Amino acid sequence: MARAHPQLITGKLEKLHPTQLTVGLAEVSAKRQQWKKLKRKERSAALESHWFPCVLGPQGCYYIVDHHHFGLALLQEEVETVPLLVLKDLSFVEPMTFWSVMDFNQWVHPYDAHGSRHSFEAIPKAIVDLQDDPYRSLAGQVRRAGGYSKDTTPYSEFLWADFFRGRIASDLINDQGSKLQTQAMDLARSQEARYLPGWAGPIAD
């Protein structure tokens, strides 16, 4: 019988399936550094406050719909299990129906590091196989610096990544220095970005 309400369980991190193609590896690295600084009790508290929302899919696989960066960082730090919040049981539906429901609920983001959409089959089967999108790292860096506010819109930081992707040349994106951040902060607060979730720029007269 399908679960009607979210359920809290524990799952093996290496067996969780992602619902996107990319992460920002610079952001993953930053999360690893944060994790290394935590003591044992602080690590337990961090995990308890970061339930991985997921959907139970065909063949009993769990698909996480958030915390991909944290998940990859934890895998690289050899963490084996994490708490899961099961949002919905779709294990009884056909794969095509499963992905249609995931897409309808905005629980999947099948876009590559160029912002191009792919088929659902292109999504990696494991978190460790996620590819790098440096613009996603930049989007996270700008948010943490106060360039825009955290928003509950699904995959909102990928929207910001696409915004920066069209305005900052690819040969400049790997230079994560102050010049790049200043340019990105100016763009984030510009009127061009006012349609994006969490925009915190000045209101035009």
N, C-alpha and C. Protein backbone atom coordinates (compact mmCIF):
# COMPACT_ATOMS: atom_id res chain seq x y z
N MET A 1 0.85 -1.20 0.00
CA MET A 1 0.00 0.00 0.00
C MET A 1 0.87 1.24 0.00
N ALA A 2 0.50 2.24 -0.78
CA ALA A 2 1.28 3.47 -0.87
C ALA A 2 1.19 4.24 0.44
N ARG A 3 2.29 4.86 0.81
CA ARG A 3 2.30 5.67 2.03
C ARG A 3 1.62 7.00 1.77
N ALA A 4 0.72 7.38 2.67
CA ALA A 4 -0.03 8.63 2.49
C ALA A 4 0.70 9.81 3.12
N HIS A 5 1.59 9.52 4.08
CA HIS A 5 2.27 10.59 4.79
C HIS A 5 3.78 10.38 4.73
N PRO A 6 4.56 11.45 4.87
CA PRO A 6 6.02 11.31 4.88
C PRO A 6 6.46 10.36 5.99
N GLN A 7 7.51 9.61 5.73
CA GLN A 7 8.02 8.64 6.68
C GLN A 7 9.51 8.89 6.90
N LEU A 8 9.95 8.78 8.15
CA LEU A 8 11.34 8.97 8.49
C LEU A 8 12.03 7.62 8.61
N ILE A 9 13.10 7.43 7.83
CA ILE A 9 13.85 6.18 7.87
C ILE A 9 15.34 6.51 7.76
N THR A 10 16.16 5.47 7.79
CA THR A 10 17.60 5.62 7.57
C THR A 10 17.98 4.83 6.33
N GLY A 11 18.84 5.41 5.49
CA GLY A 11 19.23 4.73 4.26
C GLY A 11 20.73 4.79 4.01
N LYS A 12 21.21 3.85 3.20
CA LYS A 12 22.63 3.84 2.83
C LYS A 12 22.87 4.89 1.75
N LEU A 13 23.80 5.78 2.02
CA LEU A 13 24.05 6.92 1.16
C LEU A 13 24.48 6.50 -0.25
N GLU A 14 25.30 5.48 -0.35
CA GLU A 14 25.82 5.08 -1.65
C GLU A 14 24.74 4.49 -2.56
N LYS A 15 23.61 4.07 -1.97
CA LYS A 15 22.54 3.46 -2.76
C LYS A 15 21.46 4.45 -3.18
N LEU A 16 21.56 5.69 -2.72
CA LEU A 16 20.56 6.69 -3.07
C LEU A 16 20.75 7.17 -4.50
N HIS A 17 19.64 7.40 -5.19
CA HIS A 17 19.69 7.86 -6.57
C HIS A 17 19.49 9.38 -6.62
N PRO A 18 20.28 10.08 -7.42
CA PRO A 18 20.07 11.52 -7.58
C PRO A 18 18.90 11.80 -8.52
N THR A 19 18.45 13.04 -8.53
CA THR A 19 17.38 13.46 -9.45
C THR A 19 17.84 14.65 -10.29
N GLN A 20 19.13 14.80 -10.43
CA GLN A 20 19.71 15.85 -11.27
C GLN A 20 20.99 15.33 -11.89
N LEU A 21 21.53 16.08 -12.86
CA LEU A 21 22.73 15.64 -13.56
C LEU A 21 24.00 16.22 -12.97
N THR A 22 23.89 17.38 -12.34
CA THR A 22 25.10 18.11 -11.94
C THR A 22 25.03 18.60 -10.50
N VAL A 23 26.20 18.97 -10.00
CA VAL A 23 26.36 19.71 -8.76
C VAL A 23 27.50 20.71 -9.00
N GLY A 24 27.66 21.63 -8.07
CA GLY A 24 28.83 22.50 -8.11
C GLY A 24 29.91 21.89 -7.24
N LEU A 25 30.96 21.37 -7.84
CA LEU A 25 31.98 20.66 -7.06
C LEU A 25 32.71 21.57 -6.09
N ALA A 26 32.81 22.86 -6.42
CA ALA A 26 33.43 23.79 -5.47
C ALA A 26 32.57 23.90 -4.21
N GLU A 27 31.26 23.84 -4.38
CA GLU A 27 30.37 23.89 -3.23
C GLU A 27 30.45 22.59 -2.43
N VAL A 28 30.59 21.47 -3.11
CA VAL A 28 30.78 20.19 -2.43
C VAL A 28 32.05 20.24 -1.58
N SER A 29 33.10 20.79 -2.16
CA SER A 29 34.37 20.91 -1.43
C SER A 29 34.22 21.78 -0.19
N ALA A 30 33.47 22.87 -0.31
CA ALA A 30 33.24 23.76 0.83
C ALA A 30 32.48 23.03 1.93
N LYS A 31 31.51 22.19 1.55
CA LYS A 31 30.76 21.43 2.55
C LYS A 31 31.64 20.38 3.22
N ARG A 32 32.57 19.82 2.48
CA ARG A 32 33.51 18.86 3.08
C ARG A 32 34.37 19.55 4.14
N GLN A 33 34.83 20.74 3.83
CA GLN A 33 35.65 21.47 4.78
C GLN A 33 34.85 21.81 6.05
N GLN A 34 33.59 22.17 5.87
CA GLN A 34 32.74 22.45 7.02
C GLN A 34 32.56 21.20 7.87
N TRP A 35 32.38 20.06 7.21
CA TRP A 35 32.19 18.79 7.91
C TRP A 35 33.43 18.42 8.71
N LYS A 36 34.60 18.62 8.12
CA LYS A 36 35.86 18.26 8.78
C LYS A 36 36.05 19.02 10.09
N LYS A 37 35.48 20.22 10.18
CA LYS A 37 35.65 21.05 11.37
C LYS A 37 34.72 20.66 12.51
N LEU A 38 33.72 19.82 12.22
CA LEU A 38 32.74 19.45 13.23
C LEU A 38 33.25 18.31 14.11
N LYS A 39 32.90 18.38 15.38
CA LYS A 39 33.20 17.29 16.30
C LYS A 39 32.11 16.23 16.17
N ARG A 40 32.29 15.10 16.84
CA ARG A 40 31.37 13.97 16.66
C ARG A 40 29.93 14.34 16.95
N LYS A 41 29.67 14.99 18.08
CA LYS A 41 28.30 15.35 18.43
C LYS A 41 27.74 16.38 17.44
N GLU A 42 28.60 17.26 16.96
CA GLU A 42 28.15 18.27 16.00
C GLU A 42 27.79 17.61 14.67
N ARG A 43 28.51 16.57 14.31
CA ARG A 43 28.20 15.85 13.07
C ARG A 43 26.86 15.15 13.18
N SER A 44 26.61 14.54 14.33
CA SER A 44 25.32 13.87 14.55
C SER A 44 24.18 14.87 14.47
N ALA A 45 24.40 16.04 15.07
CA ALA A 45 23.37 17.08 15.05
C ALA A 45 23.13 17.59 13.63
N ALA A 46 24.22 17.71 12.86
CA ALA A 46 24.11 18.18 11.48
C ALA A 46 23.28 17.20 10.64
N LEU A 47 23.50 15.91 10.83
CA LEU A 47 22.74 14.91 10.09
C LEU A 47 21.27 14.92 10.52
N GLU A 48 21.04 15.06 11.82
CA GLU A 48 19.67 15.05 12.32
C GLU A 48 18.86 16.24 11.81
N SER A 49 19.56 17.32 11.47
CA SER A 49 18.87 18.52 10.97
C SER A 49 18.83 18.58 9.45
N HIS A 50 19.38 17.57 8.78
CA HIS A 50 19.40 17.53 7.31
C HIS A 50 18.81 16.22 6.80
N TRP A 51 17.53 16.01 7.09
CA TRP A 51 16.85 14.86 6.50
C TRP A 51 16.89 14.99 4.98
N PHE A 52 17.21 13.90 4.31
CA PHE A 52 17.26 13.90 2.85
C PHE A 52 15.86 13.59 2.32
N PRO A 53 15.14 14.58 1.77
CA PRO A 53 13.82 14.28 1.21
C PRO A 53 13.96 13.38 -0.02
N CYS A 54 13.15 12.36 -0.10
CA CYS A 54 13.29 11.41 -1.20
C CYS A 54 11.94 10.81 -1.57
N VAL A 55 11.94 10.13 -2.71
CA VAL A 55 10.75 9.42 -3.21
C VAL A 55 11.15 7.97 -3.44
N LEU A 56 10.31 7.07 -2.97
CA LEU A 56 10.55 5.64 -3.22
C LEU A 56 10.04 5.31 -4.62
N GLY A 57 10.96 4.87 -5.48
CA GLY A 57 10.62 4.63 -6.87
C GLY A 57 10.60 3.16 -7.23
N PRO A 58 10.51 2.87 -8.54
CA PRO A 58 10.48 1.49 -9.02
C PRO A 58 11.67 0.68 -8.52
N GLN A 59 11.45 -0.59 -8.32
CA GLN A 59 12.47 -1.54 -7.84
C GLN A 59 13.00 -1.17 -6.46
N GLY A 60 12.20 -0.41 -5.71
CA GLY A 60 12.57 -0.10 -4.34
C GLY A 60 13.73 0.86 -4.18
N CYS A 61 14.01 1.65 -5.22
CA CYS A 61 15.11 2.62 -5.16
C CYS A 61 14.63 3.94 -4.57
N TYR A 62 15.48 4.56 -3.77
CA TYR A 62 15.16 5.85 -3.19
C TYR A 62 15.84 6.97 -3.99
N TYR A 63 15.04 7.94 -4.39
CA TYR A 63 15.52 9.07 -5.19
C TYR A 63 15.48 10.34 -4.34
N ILE A 64 16.65 10.91 -4.04
CA ILE A 64 16.67 12.12 -3.24
C ILE A 64 16.31 13.32 -4.12
N VAL A 65 15.58 14.26 -3.55
CA VAL A 65 15.14 15.43 -4.32
C VAL A 65 15.77 16.72 -3.79
N ASP A 66 16.72 16.59 -2.87
CA ASP A 66 17.43 17.76 -2.34
C ASP A 66 18.70 17.26 -1.64
N HIS A 67 19.56 18.19 -1.26
CA HIS A 67 20.81 17.91 -0.52
C HIS A 67 21.81 17.08 -1.32
N HIS A 68 21.81 17.23 -2.65
CA HIS A 68 22.78 16.48 -3.45
C HIS A 68 24.22 16.88 -3.12
N HIS A 69 24.46 18.16 -2.90
CA HIS A 69 25.82 18.61 -2.59
C HIS A 69 26.29 18.03 -1.25
N PHE A 70 25.41 18.11 -0.26
CA PHE A 70 25.75 17.58 1.06
C PHE A 70 25.95 16.07 0.98
N GLY A 71 25.11 15.40 0.21
CA GLY A 71 25.24 13.96 0.06
C GLY A 71 26.56 13.54 -0.56
N LEU A 72 26.98 14.24 -1.60
CA LEU A 72 28.26 13.91 -2.23
C LEU A 72 29.42 14.22 -1.29
N ALA A 73 29.32 15.32 -0.56
CA ALA A 73 30.36 15.66 0.41
C ALA A 73 30.48 14.58 1.49
N LEU A 74 29.34 14.10 1.97
CA LEU A 74 29.35 13.05 2.99
C LEU A 74 29.92 11.74 2.45
N LEU A 75 29.59 11.42 1.21
CA LEU A 75 30.16 10.21 0.60
C LEU A 75 31.68 10.31 0.52
N GLN A 76 32.16 11.46 0.12
CA GLN A 76 33.60 11.66 0.02
C GLN A 76 34.28 11.64 1.39
N GLU A 77 33.48 11.90 2.42
CA GLU A 77 33.99 11.83 3.79
C GLU A 77 33.70 10.48 4.44
N GLU A 78 33.26 9.52 3.60
CA GLU A 78 33.05 8.13 4.00
C GLU A 78 31.93 7.95 5.03
N VAL A 79 30.93 8.81 4.96
CA VAL A 79 29.73 8.62 5.77
C VAL A 79 28.85 7.58 5.07
N GLU A 80 28.35 6.60 5.81
CA GLU A 80 27.65 5.49 5.18
C GLU A 80 26.13 5.62 5.18
N THR A 81 25.55 6.15 6.24
CA THR A 81 24.10 6.23 6.32
C THR A 81 23.64 7.65 6.64
N VAL A 82 22.45 7.96 6.16
CA VAL A 82 21.86 9.29 6.40
C VAL A 82 20.37 9.13 6.68
N PRO A 83 19.76 10.09 7.37
CA PRO A 83 18.31 10.04 7.60
C PRO A 83 17.56 10.45 6.33
N LEU A 84 16.48 9.76 6.05
CA LEU A 84 15.67 10.02 4.86
C LEU A 84 14.24 10.40 5.26
N LEU A 85 13.69 11.34 4.53
CA LEU A 85 12.28 11.70 4.68
C LEU A 85 11.58 11.26 3.39
N VAL A 86 10.83 10.18 3.47
CA VAL A 86 10.16 9.64 2.28
C VAL A 86 8.88 10.44 2.03
N LEU A 87 8.90 11.22 0.97
CA LEU A 87 7.78 12.09 0.64
C LEU A 87 6.61 11.34 0.02
N LYS A 88 6.95 10.33 -0.79
CA LYS A 88 5.89 9.61 -1.51
C LYS A 88 6.40 8.24 -1.93
N ASP A 89 5.49 7.27 -1.94
CA ASP A 89 5.80 5.92 -2.40
C ASP A 89 5.26 5.76 -3.82
N LEU A 90 6.17 5.73 -4.79
CA LEU A 90 5.80 5.51 -6.19
C LEU A 90 6.40 4.20 -6.70
N SER A 91 6.69 3.30 -5.78
CA SER A 91 7.35 2.05 -6.16
C SER A 91 6.47 1.14 -7.00
N PHE A 92 5.16 1.40 -6.98
CA PHE A 92 4.21 0.51 -7.67
C PHE A 92 3.90 0.97 -9.09
N VAL A 93 4.43 2.13 -9.53
CA VAL A 93 4.10 2.64 -10.86
C VAL A 93 5.18 2.27 -11.87
N GLU A 94 4.83 2.34 -13.14
CA GLU A 94 5.78 2.07 -14.21
C GLU A 94 6.82 3.20 -14.29
N PRO A 95 8.04 2.89 -14.76
CA PRO A 95 9.09 3.91 -14.82
C PRO A 95 8.68 5.19 -15.55
N MET A 96 7.97 5.08 -16.69
CA MET A 96 7.57 6.28 -17.43
C MET A 96 6.62 7.13 -16.58
N THR A 97 5.70 6.48 -15.90
CA THR A 97 4.77 7.19 -15.03
C THR A 97 5.51 7.81 -13.86
N PHE A 98 6.47 7.07 -13.32
CA PHE A 98 7.27 7.57 -12.19
C PHE A 98 7.91 8.90 -12.55
N TRP A 99 8.59 8.96 -13.69
CA TRP A 99 9.29 10.19 -14.07
C TRP A 99 8.33 11.31 -14.42
N SER A 100 7.17 10.97 -14.95
CA SER A 100 6.15 11.99 -15.23
C SER A 100 5.67 12.64 -13.93
N VAL A 101 5.45 11.82 -12.91
CA VAL A 101 5.02 12.34 -11.62
C VAL A 101 6.14 13.17 -10.98
N MET A 102 7.36 12.68 -11.08
CA MET A 102 8.51 13.42 -10.54
C MET A 102 8.62 14.78 -11.21
N ASP A 103 8.44 14.81 -12.52
CA ASP A 103 8.54 16.06 -13.28
C ASP A 103 7.41 17.01 -12.89
N PHE A 104 6.21 16.48 -12.76
CA PHE A 104 5.05 17.29 -12.40
C PHE A 104 5.24 17.96 -11.04
N ASN A 105 5.84 17.24 -10.11
CA ASN A 105 6.05 17.76 -8.75
C ASN A 105 7.35 18.56 -8.62
N GLN A 106 8.05 18.76 -9.72
CA GLN A 106 9.34 19.47 -9.70
C GLN A 106 10.33 18.78 -8.77
N TRP A 107 10.36 17.46 -8.84
CA TRP A 107 11.27 16.66 -8.05
C TRP A 107 12.43 16.14 -8.90
N VAL A 108 12.59 16.64 -10.09
CA VAL A 108 13.68 16.20 -10.96
C VAL A 108 14.16 17.39 -11.78
N HIS A 109 15.48 17.40 -12.06
CA HIS A 109 16.08 18.52 -12.80
C HIS A 109 17.10 17.95 -13.79
N PRO A 110 16.62 17.47 -14.95
CA PRO A 110 17.52 16.78 -15.90
C PRO A 110 18.26 17.72 -16.84
N TYR A 111 18.99 18.68 -16.28
CA TYR A 111 19.73 19.65 -17.09
C TYR A 111 21.24 19.50 -16.85
N ASP A 112 22.00 19.65 -17.93
CA ASP A 112 23.45 19.46 -17.82
C ASP A 112 24.16 20.77 -17.48
N ALA A 113 25.49 20.74 -17.51
CA ALA A 113 26.30 21.89 -17.12
C ALA A 113 26.25 23.02 -18.13
N HIS A 114 25.55 22.82 -19.25
CA HIS A 114 25.35 23.89 -20.24
C HIS A 114 23.92 24.44 -20.17
N GLY A 115 23.14 23.90 -19.26
CA GLY A 115 21.75 24.33 -19.13
C GLY A 115 20.81 23.64 -20.09
N SER A 116 21.28 22.58 -20.76
CA SER A 116 20.45 21.86 -21.75
C SER A 116 19.73 20.70 -21.09
N ARG A 117 18.47 20.53 -21.45
CA ARG A 117 17.67 19.45 -20.88
C ARG A 117 17.98 18.12 -21.57
N HIS A 118 17.99 17.05 -20.78
CA HIS A 118 18.22 15.70 -21.30
C HIS A 118 17.05 14.80 -20.92
N SER A 119 17.07 13.58 -21.43
CA SER A 119 16.06 12.61 -21.06
C SER A 119 16.31 12.17 -19.62
N PHE A 120 15.31 11.62 -18.98
CA PHE A 120 15.46 11.17 -17.61
C PHE A 120 16.48 10.04 -17.50
N GLU A 121 16.65 9.30 -18.58
CA GLU A 121 17.61 8.19 -18.56
C GLU A 121 19.05 8.69 -18.41
N ALA A 122 19.28 9.97 -18.68
CA ALA A 122 20.63 10.53 -18.58
C ALA A 122 21.03 10.82 -17.14
N ILE A 123 20.07 10.82 -16.23
CA ILE A 123 20.38 11.10 -14.83
C ILE A 123 21.22 9.96 -14.26
N PRO A 124 22.33 10.26 -13.60
CA PRO A 124 23.18 9.20 -13.06
C PRO A 124 22.45 8.32 -12.06
N LYS A 125 22.93 7.10 -11.94
CA LYS A 125 22.33 6.16 -11.00
C LYS A 125 22.89 6.31 -9.59
N ALA A 126 23.98 7.05 -9.46
CA ALA A 126 24.61 7.21 -8.16
C ALA A 126 25.05 8.66 -7.96
N ILE A 127 25.05 9.10 -6.71
CA ILE A 127 25.43 10.47 -6.38
C ILE A 127 26.87 10.77 -6.81
N VAL A 128 27.75 9.76 -6.70
CA VAL A 128 29.16 9.99 -7.02
C VAL A 128 29.38 10.26 -8.50
N ASP A 129 28.38 9.98 -9.34
CA ASP A 129 28.54 10.18 -10.78
C ASP A 129 28.00 11.53 -11.27
N LEU A 130 27.58 12.38 -10.34
CA LEU A 130 27.12 13.72 -10.73
C LEU A 130 28.27 14.53 -11.30
N GLN A 131 27.98 15.29 -12.36
CA GLN A 131 29.00 16.08 -13.05
C GLN A 131 29.08 17.51 -12.49
N ASP A 132 30.19 18.15 -12.74
CA ASP A 132 30.41 19.49 -12.21
C ASP A 132 29.77 20.56 -13.08
N ASP A 133 29.10 21.51 -12.42
CA ASP A 133 28.60 22.71 -13.07
C ASP A 133 29.14 23.89 -12.27
N PRO A 134 30.21 24.53 -12.73
CA PRO A 134 30.82 25.63 -11.97
C PRO A 134 29.89 26.82 -11.76
N TYR A 135 28.91 26.98 -12.66
CA TYR A 135 27.95 28.07 -12.47
C TYR A 135 27.04 27.80 -11.27
N ARG A 136 26.80 26.53 -10.98
CA ARG A 136 26.02 26.18 -9.80
C ARG A 136 26.82 26.51 -8.53
N SER A 137 28.13 26.29 -8.58
CA SER A 137 28.98 26.67 -7.45
C SER A 137 28.95 28.18 -7.25
N LEU A 138 28.98 28.92 -8.35
CA LEU A 138 28.94 30.38 -8.26
C LEU A 138 27.61 30.83 -7.66
N ALA A 139 26.53 30.20 -8.07
CA ALA A 139 25.21 30.57 -7.54
C ALA A 139 25.16 30.37 -6.03
N GLY A 140 25.72 29.28 -5.55
CA GLY A 140 25.76 29.03 -4.12
C GLY A 140 26.63 30.03 -3.39
N GLN A 141 27.76 30.36 -4.01
CA GLN A 141 28.68 31.33 -3.40
C GLN A 141 28.03 32.70 -3.27
N VAL A 142 27.32 33.12 -4.30
CA VAL A 142 26.66 34.43 -4.29
C VAL A 142 25.54 34.46 -3.24
N ARG A 143 24.79 33.36 -3.12
CA ARG A 143 23.73 33.33 -2.10
C ARG A 143 24.32 33.44 -0.70
N ARG A 144 25.39 32.70 -0.43
CA ARG A 144 26.00 32.75 0.90
C ARG A 144 26.58 34.12 1.21
N ALA A 145 26.95 34.85 0.16
CA ALA A 145 27.50 36.20 0.35
C ALA A 145 26.40 37.25 0.47
N GLY A 146 25.14 36.83 0.37
CA GLY A 146 24.02 37.76 0.51
C GLY A 146 23.54 38.37 -0.79
N GLY A 147 23.96 37.80 -1.91
CA GLY A 147 23.52 38.33 -3.20
C GLY A 147 22.05 38.13 -3.48
N TYR A 148 21.48 37.07 -2.91
CA TYR A 148 20.04 36.83 -2.99
C TYR A 148 19.67 35.95 -1.81
N SER A 149 18.39 35.81 -1.54
CA SER A 149 17.92 35.07 -0.37
C SER A 149 17.65 33.61 -0.72
N LYS A 150 17.81 32.76 0.28
CA LYS A 150 17.46 31.35 0.10
C LYS A 150 15.96 31.26 -0.13
N ASP A 151 15.56 30.41 -1.06
CA ASP A 151 14.17 30.32 -1.46
C ASP A 151 13.75 28.85 -1.51
N THR A 152 12.47 28.60 -1.26
CA THR A 152 11.98 27.22 -1.26
C THR A 152 11.62 26.70 -2.66
N THR A 153 11.73 27.56 -3.67
CA THR A 153 11.45 27.12 -5.04
C THR A 153 12.38 25.97 -5.40
N PRO A 154 11.85 24.83 -5.88
CA PRO A 154 12.70 23.70 -6.23
C PRO A 154 13.79 24.07 -7.23
N TYR A 155 15.01 23.64 -6.93
CA TYR A 155 16.15 23.85 -7.81
C TYR A 155 16.37 25.34 -8.13
N SER A 156 16.04 26.20 -7.17
CA SER A 156 16.13 27.65 -7.41
C SER A 156 17.56 28.09 -7.74
N GLU A 157 18.55 27.45 -7.12
CA GLU A 157 19.93 27.87 -7.37
C GLU A 157 20.39 27.49 -8.77
N PHE A 158 19.73 26.50 -9.38
CA PHE A 158 20.03 26.19 -10.78
C PHE A 158 19.48 27.29 -11.70
N LEU A 159 18.37 27.91 -11.30
CA LEU A 159 17.86 29.05 -12.07
C LEU A 159 18.87 30.19 -12.04
N TRP A 160 19.45 30.40 -10.86
CA TRP A 160 20.50 31.43 -10.75
C TRP A 160 21.73 31.04 -11.55
N ALA A 161 22.07 29.76 -11.53
CA ALA A 161 23.22 29.29 -12.31
C ALA A 161 23.03 29.58 -13.79
N ASP A 162 21.81 29.33 -14.29
CA ASP A 162 21.52 29.59 -15.70
C ASP A 162 21.56 31.09 -16.00
N PHE A 163 21.14 31.89 -15.03
CA PHE A 163 21.21 33.34 -15.19
C PHE A 163 22.66 33.80 -15.36
N PHE A 164 23.55 33.29 -14.50
CA PHE A 164 24.96 33.65 -14.60
C PHE A 164 25.60 33.05 -15.86
N ARG A 165 25.12 31.87 -16.24
CA ARG A 165 25.69 31.17 -17.40
C ARG A 165 25.58 32.01 -18.68
N GLY A 166 24.47 32.76 -18.79
CA GLY A 166 24.27 33.57 -19.98
C GLY A 166 24.94 34.93 -19.93
N ARG A 167 25.61 35.23 -18.80
CA ARG A 167 26.18 36.58 -18.64
C ARG A 167 27.65 36.60 -18.26
N ILE A 168 28.18 35.46 -17.84
CA ILE A 168 29.59 35.37 -17.47
C ILE A 168 30.24 34.32 -18.36
N ALA A 169 31.28 34.72 -19.06
CA ALA A 169 31.93 33.84 -20.04
C ALA A 169 32.50 32.59 -19.37
N SER A 170 32.44 31.47 -20.09
CA SER A 170 32.90 30.19 -19.54
C SER A 170 34.39 30.19 -19.21
N ASP A 171 35.17 31.03 -19.92
CA ASP A 171 36.61 31.06 -19.64
C ASP A 171 36.93 31.85 -18.37
N LEU A 172 35.92 32.49 -17.78
CA LEU A 172 36.13 33.24 -16.54
C LEU A 172 35.58 32.53 -15.32
N ILE A 173 34.71 31.54 -15.54
CA ILE A 173 33.96 30.96 -14.44
C ILE A 173 34.83 30.18 -13.46
N ASN A 174 35.92 29.62 -13.90
CA ASN A 174 36.77 28.83 -13.01
C ASN A 174 37.65 29.68 -12.11
N ASP A 175 37.69 30.99 -12.35
CA ASP A 175 38.43 31.89 -11.48
C ASP A 175 37.48 32.36 -10.38
N GLN A 176 37.45 31.62 -9.28
CA GLN A 176 36.51 31.92 -8.20
C GLN A 176 37.04 33.01 -7.27
N GLY A 177 37.68 34.02 -7.86
CA GLY A 177 38.26 35.10 -7.07
C GLY A 177 37.29 36.24 -6.82
N SER A 178 37.82 37.31 -6.22
CA SER A 178 36.97 38.44 -5.82
C SER A 178 36.39 39.18 -7.02
N LYS A 179 37.12 39.23 -8.13
CA LYS A 179 36.63 39.93 -9.31
C LYS A 179 35.38 39.25 -9.86
N LEU A 180 35.42 37.93 -9.92
CA LEU A 180 34.26 37.18 -10.40
C LEU A 180 33.07 37.34 -9.45
N GLN A 181 33.34 37.27 -8.16
CA GLN A 181 32.25 37.39 -7.19
C GLN A 181 31.63 38.79 -7.24
N THR A 182 32.46 39.81 -7.42
CA THR A 182 31.93 41.18 -7.52
C THR A 182 31.01 41.31 -8.73
N GLN A 183 31.46 40.75 -9.86
CA GLN A 183 30.64 40.80 -11.07
C GLN A 183 29.33 40.06 -10.87
N ALA A 184 29.40 38.87 -10.23
CA ALA A 184 28.21 38.08 -10.01
C ALA A 184 27.26 38.76 -9.02
N MET A 185 27.81 39.39 -8.00
CA MET A 185 26.97 40.09 -7.02
C MET A 185 26.25 41.26 -7.68
N ASP A 186 26.93 41.98 -8.55
CA ASP A 186 26.30 43.09 -9.27
C ASP A 186 25.17 42.58 -10.16
N LEU A 187 25.41 41.47 -10.83
CA LEU A 187 24.38 40.88 -11.68
C LEU A 187 23.18 40.41 -10.84
N ALA A 188 23.46 39.81 -9.69
CA ALA A 188 22.40 39.27 -8.84
C ALA A 188 21.47 40.37 -8.34
N ARG A 189 22.00 41.55 -8.12
CA ARG A 189 21.20 42.66 -7.60
C ARG A 189 20.64 43.55 -8.70
N SER A 190 20.93 43.20 -9.95
CA SER A 190 20.46 44.02 -11.06
C SER A 190 18.97 43.78 -11.34
N GLN A 191 18.37 44.70 -12.09
CA GLN A 191 16.97 44.56 -12.47
C GLN A 191 16.76 43.36 -13.39
N GLU A 192 17.81 42.95 -14.10
CA GLU A 192 17.71 41.78 -14.98
C GLU A 192 17.32 40.52 -14.20
N ALA A 193 17.74 40.48 -12.94
CA ALA A 193 17.55 39.27 -12.14
C ALA A 193 16.29 39.29 -11.30
N ARG A 194 15.46 40.30 -11.45
CA ARG A 194 14.33 40.47 -10.53
C ARG A 194 13.26 39.39 -10.66
N TYR A 195 13.31 38.60 -11.72
CA TYR A 195 12.35 37.51 -11.89
C TYR A 195 12.76 36.24 -11.12
N LEU A 196 13.97 36.22 -10.61
CA LEU A 196 14.50 35.01 -10.00
C LEU A 196 14.09 34.88 -8.53
N PRO A 197 13.93 33.64 -8.05
CA PRO A 197 13.54 33.43 -6.64
C PRO A 197 14.60 33.94 -5.68
N GLY A 198 14.16 34.69 -4.68
CA GLY A 198 15.09 35.19 -3.68
C GLY A 198 15.79 36.49 -4.05
N TRP A 199 15.40 37.08 -5.19
CA TRP A 199 16.06 38.32 -5.63
C TRP A 199 15.98 39.36 -4.52
N ALA A 200 17.10 40.04 -4.27
CA ALA A 200 17.17 41.00 -3.17
C ALA A 200 17.73 42.34 -3.63
N GLY A 201 17.54 42.67 -4.90
CA GLY A 201 18.04 43.92 -5.43
C GLY A 201 17.14 45.10 -5.09
N PRO A 202 17.57 46.29 -5.45
CA PRO A 202 16.78 47.49 -5.16
C PRO A 202 15.51 47.55 -6.02
N ILE A 203 14.44 48.03 -5.43
CA ILE A 203 13.19 48.19 -6.16
C ILE A 203 13.28 49.43 -7.05
N ALA A 204 13.02 49.25 -8.33
CA ALA A 204 13.11 50.36 -9.26
C ALA A 204 11.99 51.35 -9.03
N ASP A 205 12.28 52.64 -9.23
CA ASP A 205 11.26 53.68 -9.07
C ASP A 205 10.26 53.61 -10.23
